[in-house]
């Protein structure tokens, strides 16, 4: 009986410590949620770049060339994103108020800059491709096509064919029409 009580007491203390630690977790996570949202976009960009180089073994010379190309385009892209910042903040504020018309208008202000960013990405991809060996170019082209196909499939699965979080898998799970 004595051992059973000791084991039960140890188990109860472990459960209470775990529940206490769990109660403290949201306060610690709150500081992480305050990070700038641009970091999320940067991480997404890194995932895209990794996807473009999936299955490709780069030489040191190729890595150096690609690093230089990325650095050149990063400064240009950063300048364009800074231009968009005021209108994006305006759109975010309008969305939080529930004014979708004002949010769309604010996004429309950035359309020319979004187009410039898209053209910049295409130019960067073209330069990166030219820095690769012919066999790596073939793999890179296949990865670009595969990512474009996935992007088109995801866009087709969205509720209205546009960006946002309304459509897709989450809406289907919650019982909403997708």
Protein backbone atom coordinates (compact mmCIF):
# COMPACT_ATOMS: atom_id res chain seq x y z
CA UNK A 1 0.00 0.00 0.00
CA UNK A 2 2.84 2.40 0.86
CA UNK A 3 4.42 2.22 -2.59
CA UNK A 4 1.05 2.76 -4.27
CA UNK A 5 0.49 5.93 -2.27
CA UNK A 6 3.95 7.25 -3.10
CA UNK A 7 3.42 6.56 -6.80
CA UNK A 8 -0.02 8.19 -6.72
CA UNK A 9 1.42 11.24 -4.93
CA UNK A 10 4.27 11.51 -7.46
CA UNK A 11 1.81 11.22 -10.34
CA UNK A 12 -0.48 13.87 -8.83
CA UNK A 13 2.43 16.26 -8.36
CA UNK A 14 3.57 15.75 -11.97
CA UNK A 15 0.05 16.47 -13.23
CA UNK A 16 -0.21 19.61 -11.14
CA UNK A 17 3.20 20.88 -12.30
CA UNK A 18 2.26 20.21 -15.93
CA UNK A 19 -1.05 22.04 -15.58
CA UNK A 20 0.70 24.98 -13.91
CA UNK A 21 3.26 25.15 -16.72
CA UNK A 22 0.46 24.99 -19.28
CA UNK A 23 -1.33 27.86 -17.60
CA UNK A 24 1.81 29.98 -17.94
CA UNK A 25 2.34 29.17 -21.65
CA UNK A 26 -0.13 31.67 -23.19
CA UNK A 27 1.60 34.58 -21.47
CA UNK A 28 4.91 33.52 -22.97
CA UNK A 29 3.42 33.03 -26.44
CA UNK A 30 1.85 36.47 -26.41
CA UNK A 31 5.24 38.11 -26.84
CA UNK A 32 5.91 36.00 -29.90
CA UNK A 33 2.65 36.93 -31.56
CA UNK A 34 3.67 40.58 -31.55
CA UNK A 35 6.45 40.04 -34.08
CA UNK A 36 6.27 41.95 -37.28
CA UNK A 37 4.22 40.16 -39.90
CA UNK A 38 6.84 40.78 -42.54
CA UNK A 39 8.93 38.04 -40.92
CA UNK A 40 6.20 35.53 -41.74
CA UNK A 41 6.37 36.57 -45.37
CA UNK A 42 10.13 36.30 -45.39
CA UNK A 43 9.94 32.76 -44.04
CA UNK A 44 7.41 31.90 -46.74
CA UNK A 45 9.79 33.31 -49.34
CA UNK A 46 12.56 31.09 -48.01
CA UNK A 47 10.28 28.04 -48.34
CA UNK A 48 9.53 28.99 -51.94
CA UNK A 49 13.20 29.32 -52.72
CA UNK A 50 13.93 25.93 -51.13
CA UNK A 51 11.18 24.46 -53.30
CA UNK A 52 12.80 25.87 -56.42
CA UNK A 53 16.06 24.11 -55.58
CA UNK A 54 14.54 20.79 -54.53
CA UNK A 55 16.71 17.93 -55.75
CA UNK A 56 19.44 20.27 -57.05
CA UNK A 57 23.01 19.90 -55.83
CA UNK A 58 24.65 23.31 -56.23
CA UNK A 59 28.38 23.78 -56.66
CA UNK A 60 30.17 26.41 -54.60
CA UNK A 61 30.42 28.67 -57.66
CA UNK A 62 26.65 28.37 -58.28
CA UNK A 63 25.93 29.13 -54.63
CA UNK A 64 28.09 32.26 -54.78
CA UNK A 65 26.43 33.49 -57.98
CA UNK A 66 22.94 32.88 -56.59
CA UNK A 67 23.81 34.65 -53.35
CA UNK A 68 24.95 37.72 -55.32
CA UNK A 69 21.79 37.66 -57.46
CA UNK A 70 19.54 37.33 -54.40
CA UNK A 71 21.32 40.22 -52.70
CA UNK A 72 20.91 42.45 -55.74
CA UNK A 73 17.19 41.79 -56.00
CA UNK A 74 16.57 41.87 -52.24
CA UNK A 75 17.42 45.57 -52.03
CA UNK A 76 15.09 46.38 -54.94
CA UNK A 77 12.26 44.31 -53.47
CA UNK A 78 12.71 45.90 -50.05
CA UNK A 79 12.36 49.38 -51.57
CA UNK A 80 9.12 48.34 -53.32
CA UNK A 81 7.72 46.82 -50.12
CA UNK A 82 8.47 50.03 -48.25
CA UNK A 83 6.48 51.95 -50.88
CA UNK A 84 3.51 49.67 -50.27
CA UNK A 85 3.64 49.87 -46.49
CA UNK A 86 1.28 52.87 -45.91
CA UNK A 87 -1.46 51.49 -48.16
CA UNK A 88 -1.09 48.02 -46.62
CA UNK A 89 -1.48 49.48 -43.12
CA UNK A 90 -4.55 51.35 -44.34
CA UNK A 91 -5.98 48.12 -45.76
CA UNK A 92 -5.27 46.24 -42.53
CA UNK A 93 -7.01 48.93 -40.48
CA UNK A 94 -10.02 48.89 -42.80
CA UNK A 95 -10.23 45.08 -42.62
CA UNK A 96 -10.14 45.16 -38.84
CA UNK A 97 -13.04 47.61 -38.88
CA UNK A 98 -14.93 45.31 -41.24
CA UNK A 99 -14.83 47.77 -44.16
CA UNK A 100 -13.97 45.44 -47.04
CA UNK A 101 -14.60 48.09 -49.69
CA UNK A 102 -12.00 50.42 -48.16
CA UNK A 103 -9.58 47.48 -47.78
CA UNK A 104 -9.97 46.57 -51.45
CA UNK A 105 -9.44 50.20 -52.45
CA UNK A 106 -6.25 50.33 -50.38
CA UNK A 107 -5.01 47.12 -51.99
CA UNK A 108 -5.85 48.56 -55.42
CA UNK A 109 -3.50 51.47 -54.69
CA UNK A 110 -0.67 48.95 -54.53
CA UNK A 111 -1.50 47.10 -57.76
CA UNK A 112 1.26 48.77 -59.82
CA UNK A 113 3.82 48.03 -57.11
CA UNK A 114 2.64 44.42 -56.81
CA UNK A 115 3.11 44.11 -60.58
CA UNK A 116 6.64 45.52 -60.28
CA UNK A 117 7.42 42.99 -57.54
CA UNK A 118 6.11 40.15 -59.71
CA UNK A 119 8.27 41.31 -62.61
CA UNK A 120 11.24 41.58 -60.27
CA UNK A 121 10.70 37.96 -59.13
CA UNK A 122 10.57 36.80 -62.74
CA UNK A 123 13.79 38.63 -63.53
CA UNK A 124 15.48 37.16 -60.48
CA UNK A 125 14.36 33.63 -61.40
CA UNK A 126 15.66 34.15 -64.92
CA UNK A 127 19.05 35.30 -63.66
CA UNK A 128 19.26 32.47 -61.14
CA UNK A 129 18.43 29.97 -63.88
CA UNK A 130 21.20 31.34 -66.10
CA UNK A 131 23.70 30.89 -63.24
CA UNK A 132 22.98 27.15 -63.08
CA UNK A 133 24.58 24.33 -65.02
CA UNK A 134 22.46 22.87 -67.87
CA UNK A 135 21.48 19.77 -65.86
CA UNK A 136 20.51 21.92 -62.87
CA UNK A 137 18.55 24.20 -65.19
CA UNK A 138 16.38 21.25 -66.19
CA UNK A 139 15.63 20.41 -62.54
CA UNK A 140 15.03 24.10 -61.75
CA UNK A 141 12.58 24.43 -64.65
CA UNK A 142 10.72 21.31 -63.50
CA UNK A 143 10.48 22.74 -59.96
CA UNK A 144 9.21 26.08 -61.29
CA UNK A 145 6.53 24.28 -63.31
CA UNK A 146 5.54 22.10 -60.36
CA UNK A 147 5.20 25.13 -58.07
CA UNK A 148 3.15 27.00 -60.68
CA UNK A 149 0.87 23.98 -61.01
CA UNK A 150 0.40 23.78 -57.22
CA UNK A 151 -0.28 27.52 -57.04
CA UNK A 152 -2.92 27.24 -59.77
CA UNK A 153 -4.54 24.25 -58.02
CA UNK A 154 -4.66 26.13 -54.72
CA UNK A 155 -6.15 29.16 -56.44
CA UNK A 156 -8.80 27.01 -58.11
CA UNK A 157 -9.71 25.47 -54.74
CA UNK A 158 -10.32 28.84 -53.12
CA UNK A 159 -13.88 30.02 -52.68
CA UNK A 160 -13.74 33.04 -54.97
CA UNK A 161 -10.53 32.31 -56.91
CA UNK A 162 -8.74 35.12 -55.07
CA UNK A 163 -6.50 35.28 -52.04
CA UNK A 164 -7.70 35.04 -48.51
CA UNK A 165 -8.57 32.37 -46.01
CA UNK A 166 -12.26 31.86 -46.70
CA UNK A 167 -12.16 28.96 -49.08
CA UNK A 168 -10.24 25.76 -49.24
CA UNK A 169 -9.86 22.96 -46.77
CA UNK A 170 -10.66 24.93 -43.59
CA UNK A 171 -14.05 26.05 -44.92
CA UNK A 172 -14.92 22.53 -46.00
CA UNK A 173 -14.06 21.14 -42.57
CA UNK A 174 -16.19 23.68 -40.78
CA UNK A 175 -19.20 22.84 -42.92
CA UNK A 176 -19.17 26.02 -45.01
CA UNK A 177 -19.62 25.83 -48.75
CA UNK A 178 -16.21 25.85 -50.44
